[in-house]
Every structure is written in C-alpha cells, then in structure tokens.
Protein backbone atom coordinates (compact mmCIF):
# COMPACT_ATOMS: atom_id res chain seq x y z
CA MET A 1 -23.32 10.17 -5.52
CA ARG A 2 -26.43 11.24 -7.44
CA ASN A 3 -25.45 9.99 -10.90
CA PRO A 4 -25.61 6.34 -12.07
CA LEU A 5 -22.36 6.88 -13.98
CA GLU A 6 -20.56 7.58 -10.69
CA ILE A 7 -21.74 4.20 -9.39
CA TYR A 8 -20.92 2.53 -12.70
CA LYS A 9 -17.28 3.64 -12.45
CA ILE A 10 -16.66 1.45 -9.40
CA LEU A 11 -18.53 -1.62 -10.72
CA PRO A 12 -16.72 -4.52 -12.47
CA LYS A 13 -18.44 -3.69 -15.82
CA THR A 14 -18.77 -7.38 -16.71
CA ASN A 15 -22.57 -7.37 -17.18
CA CYS A 16 -22.54 -10.78 -15.52
CA GLY A 17 -26.24 -10.66 -14.60
CA LYS A 18 -25.68 -12.02 -11.07
CA CYS A 19 -27.62 -9.05 -9.70
CA LEU A 20 -30.58 -10.15 -11.86
CA LEU A 21 -30.29 -7.06 -14.06
CA PRO A 22 -29.08 -7.06 -17.69
CA SER A 23 -26.08 -4.76 -17.24
CA CYS A 24 -23.85 -2.99 -14.74
CA LEU A 25 -25.25 0.34 -15.89
CA ALA A 26 -28.79 -0.85 -15.19
CA PHE A 27 -27.63 -1.96 -11.75
CA ALA A 28 -26.09 1.49 -11.11
CA ALA A 29 -29.37 3.17 -12.01
CA ALA A 30 -31.25 0.79 -9.69
CA VAL A 31 -28.91 1.69 -6.81
CA ILE A 32 -29.57 5.41 -7.28
CA GLU A 33 -33.32 4.76 -7.42
CA GLY A 34 -33.16 2.65 -4.25
CA ARG A 35 -34.27 -0.61 -5.93
CA LYS A 36 -30.89 -2.26 -5.36
CA LYS A 37 -28.13 -2.06 -2.75
CA LEU A 38 -24.42 -2.03 -3.56
CA ARG A 39 -24.07 -5.30 -1.65
CA ASP A 40 -26.32 -6.91 -4.30
CA CYS A 41 -23.31 -6.89 -6.64
CA PRO A 42 -21.37 -10.07 -5.72
CA GLU A 43 -18.30 -8.88 -7.63
CA LEU A 44 -17.88 -5.63 -5.67
CA GLU A 45 -15.38 -5.64 -2.82
CA PRO A 46 -17.44 -5.66 0.43
CA ALA A 47 -15.37 -2.97 2.18
CA LEU A 48 -15.70 -0.60 -0.77
CA GLY A 49 -19.37 -1.33 -1.12
CA GLY A 50 -19.95 -0.66 2.58
CA GLU A 51 -18.23 2.72 2.54
CA LEU A 52 -19.97 3.84 -0.64
CA ALA A 53 -23.31 2.67 0.72
CA VAL A 54 -22.93 5.12 3.60
CA ASP A 55 -21.99 7.80 1.08
CA ILE A 56 -25.04 7.10 -1.06
CA SER A 57 -27.43 7.01 1.88
CA GLY A 58 -26.06 10.34 3.11
CA SER A 59 -25.53 12.35 -0.06
CA ALA A 60 -27.97 10.79 -2.51
CA ALA A 61 -31.04 10.67 -0.31
CA SER A 62 -34.06 11.96 -2.14
CA GLU A 63 -35.15 15.54 -1.66
CA PHE A 64 -38.45 14.18 -0.36
CA GLU A 65 -36.74 12.25 2.44
CA GLN A 66 -34.65 15.27 3.41
CA ALA A 67 -37.72 17.52 3.43
CA GLU A 68 -39.61 14.97 5.51
CA PHE A 69 -36.73 14.83 8.01
CA MET A 70 -36.64 18.63 8.29
CA ASP A 71 -40.42 18.73 8.74
CA LYS A 72 -40.13 16.35 11.71
CA LEU A 73 -37.40 18.46 13.31
CA GLN A 74 -39.36 21.67 12.78
CA SER A 75 -42.49 20.07 14.26
CA ARG A 76 -40.52 19.13 17.37
CA ILE A 77 -39.09 22.65 17.63
CA SER A 78 -42.59 24.14 17.56
CA LEU A 79 -43.52 22.12 20.66
CA ALA A 80 -40.33 22.76 22.65
CA ASP A 81 -40.26 24.76 25.89
CA PHE A 82 -37.58 27.28 24.94
CA GLN A 83 -37.23 28.76 28.43
CA ALA A 84 -36.62 25.36 30.03
CA LEU A 85 -34.50 24.03 27.17
CA ALA A 86 -32.12 26.98 26.74
CA PRO A 87 -29.89 26.45 29.81
CA VAL A 88 -29.77 22.71 29.18
CA ILE A 89 -28.30 23.09 25.68
CA GLY A 90 -26.20 26.18 26.36
CA ALA A 91 -28.50 28.56 24.50
CA VAL A 92 -30.44 31.73 25.35
CA ALA A 93 -34.22 32.07 25.07
CA LYS A 94 -35.32 35.51 23.88
CA ASP A 95 -38.41 36.84 22.09
CA ASP A 96 -39.78 33.31 21.55
CA CYS A 97 -36.54 32.28 19.83
CA LEU A 98 -33.50 30.28 20.83
CA ILE A 99 -30.11 31.91 20.32
CA VAL A 100 -27.53 29.18 19.77
CA ASN A 101 -23.83 29.90 19.34
CA SER A 102 -21.89 27.99 16.68
CA LEU A 103 -18.16 28.64 16.27
CA GLY A 104 -18.47 32.04 17.91
CA LYS A 105 -21.44 33.14 15.77
CA ASP A 106 -25.01 33.44 17.08
CA PHE A 107 -27.88 31.74 15.27
CA ARG A 108 -31.46 32.69 16.08
CA VAL A 109 -33.84 29.73 15.81
CA SER A 110 -37.52 30.57 15.47
CA ARG A 111 -40.49 28.57 16.69
CA GLN A 112 -40.90 27.38 13.06
CA GLY A 113 -37.34 26.02 12.97
CA THR A 114 -35.94 28.68 10.65
CA LEU A 115 -32.45 30.07 11.21
CA VAL A 116 -31.35 33.70 11.11
CA SER A 117 -27.79 34.93 11.58
CA GLU A 118 -25.61 37.90 10.69
CA CYS A 119 -23.21 35.47 9.00
CA HIS A 120 -23.83 33.15 6.06
CA ILE A 121 -25.88 30.09 7.04
CA ASN A 122 -24.23 27.00 5.58
CA PRO A 123 -26.60 24.17 4.54
CA TRP A 124 -24.78 21.67 6.75
CA VAL A 125 -25.58 23.67 9.90
CA GLN A 126 -29.38 23.61 9.95
CA ALA A 127 -30.21 19.90 10.33
CA PRO A 128 -27.53 19.15 12.99
CA LEU A 129 -28.49 22.29 14.92
CA LEU A 130 -32.19 21.40 14.96
CA SER A 131 -31.31 17.79 15.82
CA TYR A 132 -29.19 19.05 18.72
CA ILE A 133 -32.00 21.23 20.06
CA THR A 134 -34.66 18.51 19.78
CA ASN A 135 -32.52 15.60 20.98
CA LYS A 136 -34.21 13.68 23.79
CA ARG A 137 -31.09 13.58 25.98
CA HIS A 138 -28.56 16.26 26.87
CA ALA A 139 -25.28 15.88 28.74
CA GLU A 140 -22.78 18.35 30.14
CA ILE A 141 -19.27 18.73 28.74
CA THR A 142 -16.92 16.29 30.48
CA GLY A 143 -13.43 17.27 29.30
CA ARG A 144 -12.83 13.62 28.39
CA TRP A 145 -12.03 13.00 24.72
CA ILE A 146 -13.05 9.97 22.66
CA SER A 147 -12.66 8.91 19.04
CA LEU A 148 -15.51 8.62 16.55
CA ARG A 149 -15.33 4.83 16.84
CA GLU A 150 -16.34 5.08 20.50
CA ILE A 151 -19.60 6.85 19.65
CA LYS A 152 -22.65 4.69 18.92
CA GLY A 153 -22.60 3.90 15.19
CA GLY A 154 -19.14 5.40 14.82
CA ILE A 155 -17.47 2.22 13.60
CA ASP A 156 -19.79 2.15 10.58
CA TRP A 157 -18.96 5.76 9.76
CA GLN A 158 -15.22 5.64 10.48
CA GLY A 159 -14.07 4.97 6.91
CA LEU A 160 -16.13 7.79 5.44
CA PHE A 161 -15.17 10.08 8.33
CA THR A 162 -11.48 9.47 7.69
CA SER A 163 -11.75 10.05 3.94
CA ARG A 164 -14.08 13.07 4.10
CA CYS A 165 -12.90 14.80 7.28
CA GLU A 166 -9.54 13.82 8.77
CA THR A 167 -7.53 13.14 5.60
CA PRO A 168 -8.54 16.28 3.65
CA LEU A 169 -8.07 18.46 6.75
CA ARG A 170 -4.61 16.95 7.31
CA LYS A 171 -3.61 17.71 3.72
CA LEU A 172 -5.04 21.19 4.05
CA ALA A 173 -2.94 21.79 7.17
CA ASP A 174 0.15 20.42 5.38
CA ASP A 175 -0.30 22.89 2.52
CA ASN A 176 -1.29 25.84 4.74
CA PRO A 177 1.01 25.88 7.81
CA HIS A 178 -0.88 28.71 9.56
CA LEU A 179 -4.39 27.44 8.80
CA LEU A 180 -5.12 25.90 12.20
CA GLU A 181 -3.90 29.00 14.05
CA ASP A 182 -6.15 31.13 11.85
CA ILE A 183 -9.10 28.82 12.54
CA ILE A 184 -8.63 29.42 16.28
CA GLU A 185 -8.94 33.17 15.75
CA LEU A 186 -11.76 33.05 13.20
CA PHE A 187 -14.01 30.58 15.01
CA ALA A 188 -13.54 31.24 18.73
CA GLY A 189 -11.27 28.24 19.15
CA ARG A 190 -8.92 27.46 22.01
CA GLU A 191 -5.48 25.88 21.86
CA ILE A 192 -4.44 23.24 24.41
CA GLU A 193 -1.45 21.00 25.05
CA TRP A 194 -2.03 17.47 23.75
CA TYR A 195 0.66 14.79 23.91
CA GLN A 196 2.94 15.02 20.85
CA ALA A 197 0.65 17.20 18.73
CA ASP A 198 2.26 20.33 17.32
CA ILE A 199 -1.09 22.03 17.63
CA ALA A 200 -4.31 20.94 19.32
CA LEU A 201 -7.38 23.13 19.16
CA ILE A 202 -10.89 22.92 20.55
CA LEU A 203 -13.87 24.18 18.57
CA HIS A 204 -17.56 24.32 19.47
CA PRO A 205 -19.70 23.71 16.36
CA LEU A 206 -22.56 23.63 18.88
CA PRO A 207 -22.46 24.77 22.54
CA LYS A 208 -22.20 21.28 24.01
CA VAL A 209 -20.58 19.51 21.07
CA PRO A 210 -16.86 20.28 21.50
CA ILE A 211 -14.38 18.77 19.04
CA LEU A 212 -10.61 18.52 19.41
CA ILE A 213 -8.40 18.68 16.31
CA CYS A 214 -4.87 17.38 16.87
CA TYR A 215 -2.21 17.88 14.21
CA GLN A 216 1.38 16.68 14.08
CA SER A 217 3.55 18.08 11.27
CA PRO A 218 5.45 15.81 8.86
CA GLU A 219 8.99 15.06 9.92
CA ASP A 220 11.76 13.46 7.87
CA ASP A 221 10.16 10.41 6.20
CA LEU A 222 7.09 10.45 8.45
CA GLU A 223 3.76 11.74 7.18
CA SER A 224 1.79 14.27 9.16
CA LEU A 225 -0.96 13.05 11.48
CA LEU A 226 -4.35 14.59 12.16
CA THR A 227 -7.05 13.16 14.40
CA ILE A 228 -10.40 14.59 15.41
CA PHE A 229 -11.68 13.73 18.89
CA PHE A 230 -15.01 14.42 20.57
CA ASP A 231 -15.97 15.21 24.13
CA GLU A 232 -17.82 12.27 25.67
CA CYS A 233 -20.98 14.39 25.84
CA CYS A 234 -21.16 14.43 22.02
CA ALA A 235 -22.20 10.77 22.09
CA VAL A 236 -25.31 11.82 24.03
CA ASN A 237 -26.07 15.24 22.57
CA LEU A 238 -26.00 14.40 18.86
CA GLN A 239 -26.51 11.34 16.66
CA ILE A 240 -23.61 10.02 14.62
CA LYS A 241 -24.93 11.19 11.24
CA SER A 242 -25.26 14.76 12.50
CA ILE A 243 -21.74 14.59 13.96
CA PHE A 244 -20.40 13.50 10.57
CA THR A 245 -22.40 16.18 8.76
CA LEU A 246 -21.00 18.88 11.04
CA CYS A 247 -17.39 17.75 10.65
CA ALA A 248 -17.59 17.28 6.89
CA GLY A 249 -19.16 20.72 6.59
CA LEU A 250 -16.41 22.26 8.70
CA VAL A 251 -13.73 20.77 6.47
CA ARG A 252 -15.44 22.07 3.33
CA MET A 253 -15.67 25.51 4.91
CA PHE A 254 -11.99 25.47 5.95
CA THR A 255 -11.07 24.44 2.41
CA LYS A 256 -12.89 27.45 0.95
CA ILE A 257 -11.22 29.74 3.47
CA ALA A 258 -7.80 28.39 2.52
CA GLU A 259 -8.56 28.86 -1.18
CA HIS A 260 -9.86 32.42 -0.98
CA HIS A 261 -8.54 34.13 2.11
CA LEU A 262 -5.27 32.62 3.30
C-alpha cells in the first residue's frame, strides 16, 4: 500500500478525531508517511490492522530504506571470503564471483553484489539471495519439514503469508490442473509422496532453502487444500521477511506463467 486512499478504504470514515488528527483521510496520509501506525486508530479491528501493518512495512517502505538495506548487503558481500563461503551455502566460487543456483537457473553474484544471469532477474530475488549469502549462520538441509509458524517471527507473518502465497497458489492450481506438474519441469523441482496430497513438490529457490508445496484437489463439497512447508534449515539460513519475499515472488511468477504460457 503506497497510496493514502488505499488505507482510507479500510478505515471507519467517521472522522472521530480519536487519533488526534482532523479526519480519517489525514490519518491515512500520516500512516503512509510513517507518522502514525494503524493501531493508532481505535476503531480499526486489531487483527486487520496487524495484518495490514505488516503489508505496509513490507510494500510501502521508502525507497531510501530499501536502498540503505541493499547497501548494507552489498557492503557485506564485498568483504566475504567467496572460496570459504561457497561450499557452505551450496554455491561455486569462480572468477571472484559466487555462482548460486535458484530454481535450476544460475545467478552470478559479483563482489559488488550485482546479479547476472542468462534468465530474467526478478526484483524479488536479489535481496533474499544477498541476505542468504551474507547470513551469519548456515545449516545443512535436514529433510524435516516445518510450517511457517514454526520459524522465528512466522506467527506474525502467517496471515499475510496465507493471503499472499498459499491461497492464491491454491486457486491457481484449481484453475490450472497441470500447473504444478509444469512447475516441476520448468524449475528443477522434484515430486515426492506426502500423506494425502495429490501432488507434493520440492523446489529450491536457493540452494539450502528447500520448500515443499502440497496440494490436495477439491472433492465433492470439500475445497482444495494447499500448504507450503519449509525444511528446518530455512529457519537458520534465511530471515522470515526474506522467506516471505521469496514465496510471494514465486507465486507472482507462477501466476504470470499460467496467464501467458499454460
């Protein structure tokens, strides 16, 4: 949400003044500018305000803050020992670059933190990839799967994760019966058996950040089910915001594929 009118739509529109501003529209503008928080509106449902607050902090952060964050990551990259780091994160060090595989495609990361690849570089890849490389801790893949809620900070992100990742991907799979099979082929995925799931596939958005997508088709009066799980190592190898960014980006990419190619 970057527009005060988008905030205004979910406000009570009573201009009650309890937020110490003259109108709900003024309050909406103050939220976008960072002078007020959604929780400062006493009439807004707390659960809704909490979910939207995460949305605003993620998608309406100022360009300055995003640039500052990227500068920090790129500064850390410049100091990294690529030769020592490469085997730890499942990458290859070559010609003073790190070659990191994402979904079957190689990305070359320079000492300055820039990315080069034969395929299109999506905006949602760069920050999580650099965060992954520069993370202070790294763990090996365990083969044990956990939900987002079990990752540090995951409970706070669960509502947004469900609405931005799991629900739209479930609906996409409902409308495109062969989508998940095509994803396996397009993005170096692997299918496994998983309880009652009709299809369960493993993808590697980053070498040691495996995700498991489990889908059960609708049957009779029962809706379909789709859940995204994470290898336990993801909780160590990547922070929760980067995990969300990766998954939301994947879903947007799958949506475009379904619209244009399937």
